[in-house]
């Protein structure tokens, strides 16, 4: 498949999620509706997996070079997190946020399609390229879910409806996301050594990746100091903005125009 087929695949995925979400209402009282609902929800994500796999084959390279390609991976990962959270914590609302955010990213890609280009610059022809980018994208998806959960918990606290289960969920999502951020930094350093001869050069993208890692290290420090979990929910919500700067914002900085990461623009 190519970007030509992408809008129809994205529309089909969103349609499956929408229909499956609508069926969640009668699914609370009917096992049959519940089965149909989850079949549609999972099918929407499987359509994106199918497109990614087909696109990878058509490109003859990992579809991870451009921002549009990384958005597609992110849009595929984040609904899965919502489904797993519901299975693990029995918290239903998060999956709707995850599917909604995925739909937004799919819409952005549909409005700004990538050029179908098989070329892969030599620096990206490394064994560390795929692990580095994929691990980071999964981390970003986990930390996005943690952030929205944290902000949701903040609103509940304002209404005196504190949810300890929700606070536990946001914490473990942030913890797993931080672990993957750490692996992403390590894989990136190994890749940089192989591609450019240095583990670290304080490139703008590298610097902001380190800042985002420090932001979540600060969260773990506050947890170790037994900070009130209700205050930590604010932290998780705000920390995610640092990740957004790292992922998108850095590309617009004047200092990033000569970045070795400019291939992702």
Foldseek 3Di string as FASTA:
>chain_A
DFLVCLVVLLVQLLVLLVVLVVLVVCVVVDVVSPVSSVVSNVVSLVSLVVVQVVLCVVLVHRQQQALLSLLSLLLNQQLVVQVVCCVVLVDNPLSVVSNVVSSVSSVVCNVPPDDRHSDDDPLCPDPLNVLLSNLLSNLLSLLVSLQVLLVVQLVCVVVVNHDPSSLVSSVVSLVSSLVSLVVNLVSQLVSCCVRPNGSDDVQPLNVLSVVLSVLSVVLVVCVVVVHDSNVSSVSSNVSSVSVVCSSPVSCPDPSNPPGPSVSHD
